[in-house]
């Protein structure tokens, strides 16, 4: 494979990144390091995990008559290229909803296809199917799968399973985020949420929102007494017990 060499425009520097080794997440004996961008890095495996890019979300909304600036795909790729440059992964796992709808990957501009192929030609890339984009990504390189097992014990999938028995899990789909009261002020942001059995990543896409962990969608997924959140602040990641989140 060719070495990955991103060509980042200056505006890509506006989106923060930074690995938070002080707040690493341990799962099934592996250490995962969260990044301010919303990506998760496994140093021992040189594996980078990213969920819910939702590329071409702006274009999909435009097709429904909702006018938004069409900059989300380029901005999201800027952030992805930057975290790849920072971590130099050998493996890239995209945990579903990489595109906002089934048509997204077929309507890309040539320069976006070129940027994606630069990534997938340099890094072994696994596209995991999501509910928004269940179809294979023809012409973009990499391998498309429904789910995959990492380090023989951790299942990578898009939507968290309602019950886990003998395996561990890393997923996306739910776009976790909410508020934490800190020094008398409510702070709201996207975040990672984890317990001893699973990790759910925040949505990486530039236009994606978040869903509170107090929502019924999260009910029963985590051991709330043992679960933590890793909140993405402006220039630092903060860790809180899940029970403090509203």
C-alpha atoms as a PDB file:
ATOM      1  CA  UNK A   1       0.000   0.000   0.000  1.00  0.00           C
ATOM      2  CA  UNK A   2       1.057   3.570  -0.671  1.00  0.00           C
ATOM      3  CA  UNK A   3       1.944   5.725   2.364  1.00  0.00           C
ATOM      4  CA  UNK A   4      -0.912   8.028   3.325  1.00  0.00           C
ATOM      5  CA  UNK A   5      -0.058  11.679   2.756  1.00  0.00           C
ATOM      6  CA  UNK A   6      -2.996  14.017   3.386  1.00  0.00           C
ATOM      7  CA  UNK A   7      -3.221  17.381   1.674  1.00  0.00           C
ATOM      8  CA  UNK A   8      -5.002  19.479   4.243  1.00  0.00           C
ATOM      9  CA  UNK A   9      -6.444  22.932   3.487  1.00  0.00           C
ATOM     10  CA  UNK A  10      -5.914  25.571   6.114  1.00  0.00           C
ATOM     11  CA  UNK A  11      -9.548  25.508   7.278  1.00  0.00           C
ATOM     12  CA  UNK A  12      -9.089  21.883   8.375  1.00  0.00           C
ATOM     13  CA  UNK A  13      -6.998  23.184  11.265  1.00  0.00           C
ATOM     14  CA  UNK A  14     -10.141  24.719  12.753  1.00  0.00           C
ATOM     15  CA  UNK A  15     -11.425  21.310  13.860  1.00  0.00           C
ATOM     16  CA  UNK A  16      -9.579  20.167  17.011  1.00  0.00           C
ATOM     17  CA  UNK A  17      -7.913  16.830  17.449  1.00  0.00           C
ATOM     18  CA  UNK A  18      -5.739  15.297  20.102  1.00  0.00           C
ATOM     19  CA  UNK A  19      -5.356  11.849  21.597  1.00  0.00           C
ATOM     20  CA  UNK A  20      -6.250  11.708  25.280  1.00  0.00           C
ATOM     21  CA  UNK A  21      -3.883   9.115  26.735  1.00  0.00           C
ATOM     22  CA  UNK A  22      -4.847  10.273  30.217  1.00  0.00           C
ATOM     23  CA  UNK A  23      -8.391   9.033  29.601  1.00  0.00           C
ATOM     24  CA  UNK A  24      -7.771   5.798  27.708  1.00  0.00           C
ATOM     25  CA  UNK A  25     -10.628   3.285  27.642  1.00  0.00           C
ATOM     26  CA  UNK A  26      -9.841  -0.349  28.442  1.00  0.00           C
ATOM     27  CA  UNK A  27     -11.997  -3.039  26.852  1.00  0.00           C
ATOM     28  CA  UNK A  28     -11.343  -6.797  26.756  1.00  0.00           C
ATOM     29  CA  UNK A  29      -7.709  -6.273  27.724  1.00  0.00           C
ATOM     30  CA  UNK A  30      -7.068  -3.707  24.976  1.00  0.00           C
ATOM     31  CA  UNK A  31      -6.410  -0.018  25.468  1.00  0.00           C
ATOM     32  CA  UNK A  32      -8.283   2.439  23.251  1.00  0.00           C
ATOM     33  CA  UNK A  33      -7.343   6.104  23.113  1.00  0.00           C
ATOM     34  CA  UNK A  34     -10.124   8.617  22.368  1.00  0.00           C
ATOM     35  CA  UNK A  35      -9.452  11.573  20.109  1.00  0.00           C
ATOM     36  CA  UNK A  36     -11.074  15.004  20.243  1.00  0.00           C
ATOM     37  CA  UNK A  37     -12.319  14.474  16.707  1.00  0.00           C
ATOM     38  CA  UNK A  38     -14.513  11.572  17.887  1.00  0.00           C
ATOM     39  CA  UNK A  39     -12.232   8.833  16.538  1.00  0.00           C
ATOM     40  CA  UNK A  40     -10.908   5.988  18.699  1.00  0.00           C
ATOM     41  CA  UNK A  41      -7.387   4.561  18.329  1.00  0.00           C
ATOM     42  CA  UNK A  42      -6.081   1.151  19.436  1.00  0.00           C
ATOM     43  CA  UNK A  43      -2.269   1.586  19.566  1.00  0.00           C
ATOM     44  CA  UNK A  44      -1.492  -2.131  20.019  1.00  0.00           C
ATOM     45  CA  UNK A  45      -3.338  -2.956  16.793  1.00  0.00           C
ATOM     46  CA  UNK A  46      -2.590   0.313  14.953  1.00  0.00           C
ATOM     47  CA  UNK A  47      -6.340   0.446  14.341  1.00  0.00           C
ATOM     48  CA  UNK A  48      -8.412   3.619  13.989  1.00  0.00           C
ATOM     49  CA  UNK A  49     -12.175   3.426  14.545  1.00  0.00           C
ATOM     50  CA  UNK A  50     -14.614   6.077  13.356  1.00  0.00           C
ATOM     51  CA  UNK A  51     -18.424   6.046  13.436  1.00  0.00           C
ATOM     52  CA  UNK A  52     -21.146   7.900  11.577  1.00  0.00           C
ATOM     53  CA  UNK A  53     -19.300  10.077   9.077  1.00  0.00           C
ATOM     54  CA  UNK A  54     -22.639  10.782   7.340  1.00  0.00           C
ATOM     55  CA  UNK A  55     -20.847  12.021   4.239  1.00  0.00           C
ATOM     56  CA  UNK A  56     -23.088  13.880   1.773  1.00  0.00           C
ATOM     57  CA  UNK A  57     -25.590  14.720   4.496  1.00  0.00           C
ATOM     58  CA  UNK A  58     -25.928  18.247   3.126  1.00  0.00           C
ATOM     59  CA  UNK A  59     -26.669  16.911  -0.356  1.00  0.00           C
ATOM     60  CA  UNK A  60     -29.212  14.436   1.030  1.00  0.00           C
ATOM     61  CA  UNK A  61     -31.008  17.212   2.883  1.00  0.00           C
ATOM     62  CA  UNK A  62     -31.000  19.347  -0.264  1.00  0.00           C
ATOM     63  CA  UNK A  63     -32.747  16.536  -2.148  1.00  0.00           C
ATOM     64  CA  UNK A  64     -35.500  16.770   0.466  1.00  0.00           C
ATOM     65  CA  UNK A  65     -35.810  20.519  -0.019  1.00  0.00           C
ATOM     66  CA  UNK A  66     -33.810  21.508   3.072  1.00  0.00           C
ATOM     67  CA  UNK A  67     -31.213  24.085   2.060  1.00  0.00           C
ATOM     68  CA  UNK A  68     -27.925  23.779   3.959  1.00  0.00           C
ATOM     69  CA  UNK A  69     -24.374  24.709   2.935  1.00  0.00           C
ATOM     70  CA  UNK A  70     -22.814  21.779   1.021  1.00  0.00           C
ATOM     71  CA  UNK A  71     -19.563  21.735   2.966  1.00  0.00           C
ATOM     72  CA  UNK A  72     -20.043  18.809   5.328  1.00  0.00           C
ATOM     73  CA  UNK A  73     -18.284  16.118   3.280  1.00  0.00           C
ATOM     74  CA  UNK A  74     -15.099  18.131   2.759  1.00  0.00           C
ATOM     75  CA  UNK A  75     -15.029  19.254   6.404  1.00  0.00           C
ATOM     76  CA  UNK A  76     -15.544  15.709   7.683  1.00  0.00           C
ATOM     77  CA  UNK A  77     -12.786  14.398   5.417  1.00  0.00           C
ATOM     78  CA  UNK A  78     -10.480  17.172   6.621  1.00  0.00           C
ATOM     79  CA  UNK A  79     -10.953  15.898  10.173  1.00  0.00           C
ATOM     80  CA  UNK A  80     -10.524  12.259   9.171  1.00  0.00           C
ATOM     81  CA  UNK A  81      -7.326  12.988   7.243  1.00  0.00           C
ATOM     82  CA  UNK A  82      -5.958  14.892  10.178  1.00  0.00           C
ATOM     83  CA  UNK A  83      -6.534  12.135  12.743  1.00  0.00           C
ATOM     84  CA  UNK A  84      -5.091   9.586  10.301  1.00  0.00           C
ATOM     85  CA  UNK A  85      -1.974  11.732   9.951  1.00  0.00           C
ATOM     86  CA  UNK A  86      -1.718  11.942  13.750  1.00  0.00           C
ATOM     87  CA  UNK A  87      -2.113   8.206  14.419  1.00  0.00           C
ATOM     88  CA  UNK A  88      -0.653   6.517  11.273  1.00  0.00           C
ATOM     89  CA  UNK A  89      -3.023   3.538  11.467  1.00  0.00           C
ATOM     90  CA  UNK A  90      -2.552   0.296   9.565  1.00  0.00           C
ATOM     91  CA  UNK A  91      -6.293  -0.448   9.832  1.00  0.00           C
ATOM     92  CA  UNK A  92      -9.274   1.871   9.474  1.00  0.00           C
ATOM     93  CA  UNK A  93     -12.703   0.704  10.622  1.00  0.00           C
ATOM     94  CA  UNK A  94     -15.676   2.846   9.592  1.00  0.00           C
ATOM     95  CA  UNK A  95     -18.543   1.793  11.856  1.00  0.00           C
ATOM     96  CA  UNK A  96     -21.496   2.407   9.577  1.00  0.00           C
ATOM     97  CA  UNK A  97     -23.500   5.362   8.292  1.00  0.00           C
ATOM     98  CA  UNK A  98     -20.384   6.506   6.497  1.00  0.00           C
ATOM     99  CA  UNK A  99     -22.819   8.082   4.021  1.00  0.00           C
ATOM    100  CA  UNK A 100     -26.076   9.762   4.918  1.00  0.00           C
ATOM    101  CA  UNK A 101     -28.132   7.710   2.478  1.00  0.00           C
ATOM    102  CA  UNK A 102     -27.872   4.901  -0.068  1.00  0.00           C
ATOM    103  CA  UNK A 103     -27.152   7.295  -2.938  1.00  0.00           C
ATOM    104  CA  UNK A 104     -24.404   9.286  -1.249  1.00  0.00           C
ATOM    105  CA  UNK A 105     -21.391   7.295  -2.407  1.00  0.00           C
ATOM    106  CA  UNK A 106     -22.635   7.320  -6.035  1.00  0.00           C
ATOM    107  CA  UNK A 107     -22.908  11.111  -6.252  1.00  0.00           C
ATOM    108  CA  UNK A 108     -19.501  12.188  -4.961  1.00  0.00           C
ATOM    109  CA  UNK A 109     -17.483  14.864  -6.719  1.00  0.00           C
ATOM    110  CA  UNK A 110     -14.292  13.635  -8.343  1.00  0.00           C
ATOM    111  CA  UNK A 111     -12.023  15.361  -5.849  1.00  0.00           C
ATOM    112  CA  UNK A 112     -13.823  13.681  -2.923  1.00  0.00           C
ATOM    113  CA  UNK A 113     -13.484  10.257  -4.559  1.00  0.00           C
ATOM    114  CA  UNK A 114      -9.778  10.983  -5.024  1.00  0.00           C
ATOM    115  CA  UNK A 115      -9.371  11.842  -1.352  1.00  0.00           C
ATOM    116  CA  UNK A 116     -11.217   8.727  -0.203  1.00  0.00           C
ATOM    117  CA  UNK A 117      -9.190   6.518  -2.538  1.00  0.00           C
ATOM    118  CA  UNK A 118      -5.992   8.077  -1.223  1.00  0.00           C
ATOM    119  CA  UNK A 119      -7.029   6.831   2.231  1.00  0.00           C
ATOM    120  CA  UNK A 120      -8.216   3.361   1.208  1.00  0.00           C
ATOM    121  CA  UNK A 121      -5.204   2.780  -1.045  1.00  0.00           C
ATOM    122  CA  UNK A 122      -2.841   3.538   1.833  1.00  0.00           C
ATOM    123  CA  UNK A 123      -4.704   1.946   4.758  1.00  0.00           C
ATOM    124  CA  UNK A 124      -6.592  -1.330   4.993  1.00  0.00           C
ATOM    125  CA  UNK A 125     -10.141   0.004   5.249  1.00  0.00           C
ATOM    126  CA  UNK A 126     -13.235  -1.848   6.429  1.00  0.00           C
ATOM    127  CA  UNK A 127     -16.622  -0.252   5.718  1.00  0.00           C
ATOM    128  CA  UNK A 128     -19.253  -1.604   8.142  1.00  0.00           C
ATOM    129  CA  UNK A 129     -22.827  -1.340   6.897  1.00  0.00           C
ATOM    130  CA  UNK A 130     -25.151   1.102   8.632  1.00  0.00           C
ATOM    131  CA  UNK A 131     -28.879   1.696   8.562  1.00  0.00           C
ATOM    132  CA  UNK A 132     -28.360   4.755   6.344  1.00  0.00           C
ATOM    133  CA  UNK A 133     -25.885   3.088   3.970  1.00  0.00           C
ATOM    134  CA  UNK A 134     -26.339  -0.700   3.892  1.00  0.00           C
ATOM    135  CA  UNK A 135     -25.025  -1.105   0.338  1.00  0.00           C
ATOM    136  CA  UNK A 136     -21.365  -1.720  -0.702  1.00  0.00           C
ATOM    137  CA  UNK A 137     -19.231   1.331  -1.561  1.00  0.00           C
ATOM    138  CA  UNK A 138     -18.244   0.446  -5.121  1.00  0.00           C
ATOM    139  CA  UNK A 139     -15.215   2.267  -6.489  1.00  0.00           C
ATOM    140  CA  UNK A 140     -13.995   3.588  -3.142  1.00  0.00           C
ATOM    141  CA  UNK A 141     -11.668   0.764  -2.133  1.00  0.00           C
ATOM    142  CA  UNK A 142     -11.670  -1.195   1.084  1.00  0.00           C
ATOM    143  CA  UNK A 143     -13.932  -4.081   2.102  1.00  0.00           C
ATOM    144  CA  UNK A 144     -17.635  -3.855   3.001  1.00  0.00           C
ATOM    145  CA  UNK A 145     -18.971  -6.089   5.813  1.00  0.00           C
ATOM    146  CA  UNK A 146     -21.959  -6.262   8.152  1.00  0.00           C
ATOM    147  CA  UNK A 147     -19.725  -6.575  11.228  1.00  0.00           C
ATOM    148  CA  UNK A 148     -16.232  -7.739  12.105  1.00  0.00           C
ATOM    149  CA  UNK A 149     -14.416  -9.157  15.153  1.00  0.00           C
ATOM    150  CA  UNK A 150     -11.404  -7.277  16.485  1.00  0.00           C
ATOM    151  CA  UNK A 151      -8.723  -9.116  18.492  1.00  0.00           C
ATOM    152  CA  UNK A 152     -10.912 -12.249  18.553  1.00  0.00           C
ATOM    153  CA  UNK A 153     -13.242 -10.864  21.235  1.00  0.00           C
ATOM    154  CA  UNK A 154     -14.598  -7.438  20.308  1.00  0.00           C
ATOM    155  CA  UNK A 155     -17.415  -7.209  17.766  1.00  0.00           C
ATOM    156  CA  UNK A 156     -17.409  -4.041  15.688  1.00  0.00           C
ATOM    157  CA  UNK A 157     -20.862  -3.196  14.361  1.00  0.00           C
ATOM    158  CA  UNK A 158     -22.985  -0.181  13.570  1.00  0.00           C
ATOM    159  CA  UNK A 159     -25.950  -0.567  15.905  1.00  0.00           C
ATOM    160  CA  UNK A 160     -25.349  -1.749  19.482  1.00  0.00           C
ATOM    161  CA  UNK A 161     -26.774  -5.176  20.277  1.00  0.00           C
ATOM    162  CA  UNK A 162     -29.482  -5.164  22.910  1.00  0.00           C
ATOM    163  CA  UNK A 163     -27.812  -8.079  24.725  1.00  0.00           C
ATOM    164  CA  UNK A 164     -24.170  -9.083  24.925  1.00  0.00           C
ATOM    165  CA  UNK A 165     -23.288 -12.540  26.176  1.00  0.00           C
ATOM    166  CA  UNK A 166     -19.740 -13.776  25.590  1.00  0.00           C
ATOM    167  CA  UNK A 167     -18.411 -10.939  23.475  1.00  0.00           C
ATOM    168  CA  UNK A 168     -17.472  -7.283  23.827  1.00  0.00           C
ATOM    169  CA  UNK A 169     -18.659  -4.585  21.473  1.00  0.00           C
ATOM    170  CA  UNK A 170     -17.755  -1.258  19.881  1.00  0.00           C
ATOM    171  CA  UNK A 171     -20.516   0.486  17.936  1.00  0.00           C
ATOM    172  CA  UNK A 172     -21.875   3.806  16.720  1.00  0.00           C
ATOM    173  CA  UNK A 173     -25.391   4.657  15.529  1.00  0.00           C
ATOM    174  CA  UNK A 174     -26.681   6.383  18.674  1.00  0.00           C
ATOM    175  CA  UNK A 175     -24.667   9.640  18.407  1.00  0.00           C
ATOM    176  CA  UNK A 176     -24.181   9.935  22.189  1.00  0.00           C
ATOM    177  CA  UNK A 177     -24.052  13.373  23.721  1.00  0.00           C
ATOM    178  CA  UNK A 178     -25.749  15.349  26.459  1.00  0.00           C
ATOM    179  CA  UNK A 179     -25.023  17.717  29.304  1.00  0.00           C
ATOM    180  CA  UNK A 180     -22.905  17.612  32.444  1.00  0.00           C
ATOM    181  CA  UNK A 181     -23.099  20.174  35.249  1.00  0.00           C
ATOM    182  CA  UNK A 182     -19.574  21.403  35.906  1.00  0.00           C
ATOM    183  CA  UNK A 183     -18.834  24.201  38.381  1.00  0.00           C
ATOM    184  CA  UNK A 184     -22.446  25.268  38.355  1.00  0.00           C
ATOM    185  CA  UNK A 185     -22.733  25.423  34.566  1.00  0.00           C
ATOM    186  CA  UNK A 186     -24.347  23.004  32.141  1.00  0.00           C
ATOM    187  CA  UNK A 187     -21.863  21.876  29.468  1.00  0.00           C
ATOM    188  CA  UNK A 188     -23.225  20.024  26.421  1.00  0.00           C
ATOM    189  CA  UNK A 189     -21.194  18.116  23.871  1.00  0.00           C
ATOM    190  CA  UNK A 190     -20.755  14.845  22.005  1.00  0.00           C
ATOM    191  CA  UNK A 191     -18.963  12.070  23.864  1.00  0.00           C
ATOM    192  CA  UNK A 192     -17.841   8.461  24.012  1.00  0.00           C
ATOM    193  CA  UNK A 193     -19.744   6.268  26.452  1.00  0.00           C
ATOM    194  CA  UNK A 194     -18.322   3.006  27.799  1.00  0.00           C
ATOM    195  CA  UNK A 195     -18.608   0.344  30.446  1.00  0.00           C
ATOM    196  CA  UNK A 196     -16.651  -2.918  30.939  1.00  0.00           C
ATOM    197  CA  UNK A 197     -18.501  -4.580  28.038  1.00  0.00           C
ATOM    198  CA  UNK A 198     -18.883  -1.975  25.285  1.00  0.00           C
ATOM    199  CA  UNK A 199     -17.991   1.399  23.831  1.00  0.00           C
ATOM    200  CA  UNK A 200     -20.279   3.584  21.740  1.00  0.00           C
ATOM    201  CA  UNK A 201     -18.568   6.266  19.669  1.00  0.00           C
ATOM    202  CA  UNK A 202     -19.860   9.779  19.012  1.00  0.00           C
ATOM    203  CA  UNK A 203     -20.900  10.711  15.487  1.00  0.00           C
ATOM    204  CA  UNK A 204     -17.904  11.995  13.521  1.00  0.00           C
ATOM    205  CA  UNK A 205     -19.770  13.863  10.756  1.00  0.00           C
ATOM    206  CA  UNK A 206     -19.629  17.630  10.542  1.00  0.00           C
ATOM    207  CA  UNK A 207     -23.422  18.035  10.454  1.00  0.00           C
ATOM    208  CA  UNK A 208     -24.371  15.244  12.869  1.00  0.00           C
ATOM    209  CA  UNK A 209     -26.141  16.003  16.118  1.00  0.00           C
ATOM    210  CA  UNK A 210     -26.269  14.013  19.335  1.00  0.00           C
ATOM    211  CA  UNK A 211     -28.736  12.043  21.426  1.00  0.00           C
ATOM    212  CA  UNK A 212     -28.839  12.171  25.220  1.00  0.00           C
ATOM    213  CA  UNK A 213     -27.897   8.984  27.046  1.00  0.00           C
ATOM    214  CA  UNK A 214     -31.034   9.539  29.104  1.00  0.00           C
ATOM    215  CA  UNK A 215     -32.999   8.706  25.949  1.00  0.00           C
ATOM    216  CA  UNK A 216     -34.853   5.382  25.814  1.00  0.00           C
ATOM    217  CA  UNK A 217     -32.531   4.349  22.945  1.00  0.00           C
ATOM    218  CA  UNK A 218     -29.770   3.802  25.531  1.00  0.00           C
ATOM    219  CA  UNK A 219     -31.956   1.985  28.054  1.00  0.00           C
ATOM    220  CA  UNK A 220     -30.365  -1.253  29.240  1.00  0.00           C
ATOM    221  CA  UNK A 221     -27.230  -0.955  27.105  1.00  0.00           C
ATOM    222  CA  UNK A 222     -24.823   0.073  29.862  1.00  0.00           C
ATOM    223  CA  UNK A 223     -24.133  -0.795  33.455  1.00  0.00           C
ATOM    224  CA  UNK A 224     -24.813   2.732  34.672  1.00  0.00           C
ATOM    225  CA  UNK A 225     -22.917   2.197  37.932  1.00  0.00           C
ATOM    226  CA  UNK A 226     -19.745   1.320  36.018  1.00  0.00           C
ATOM    227  CA  UNK A 227     -20.206   3.379  32.833  1.00  0.00           C
ATOM    228  CA  UNK A 228     -18.247   6.510  31.989  1.00  0.00           C
ATOM    229  CA  UNK A 229     -18.480   9.226  29.405  1.00  0.00           C
ATOM    230  CA  UNK A 230     -15.543  10.910  27.676  1.00  0.00           C
ATOM    231  CA  UNK A 231     -16.772  14.353  26.710  1.00  0.00           C
ATOM    232  CA  UNK A 232     -15.286  16.189  23.717  1.00  0.00           C
ATOM    233  CA  UNK A 233     -14.624  19.722  24.911  1.00  0.00           C
ATOM    234  CA  UNK A 234     -12.988  22.482  22.885  1.00  0.00           C
ATOM    235  CA  UNK A 235      -9.400  21.414  23.432  1.00  0.00           C
ATOM    236  CA  UNK A 236      -9.521  18.533  25.910  1.00  0.00           C
ATOM    237  CA  UNK A 237     -11.409  15.342  26.738  1.00  0.00           C
ATOM    238  CA  UNK A 238     -13.082  15.131  30.152  1.00  0.00           C
ATOM    239  CA  UNK A 239     -14.176  11.938  31.858  1.00  0.00           C
ATOM    240  CA  UNK A 240     -17.294  11.728  34.042  1.00  0.00           C
ATOM    241  CA  UNK A 241     -19.367   8.929  35.573  1.00  0.00           C
ATOM    242  CA  UNK A 242     -22.414   8.265  33.410  1.00  0.00           C
ATOM    243  CA  UNK A 243     -24.709   8.895  36.371  1.00  0.00           C
ATOM    244  CA  UNK A 244     -23.754  12.596  36.226  1.00  0.00           C
ATOM    245  CA  UNK A 245     -25.049  13.009  32.693  1.00  0.00           C
ATOM    246  CA  UNK A 246     -28.428  14.601  31.961  1.00  0.00           C
END
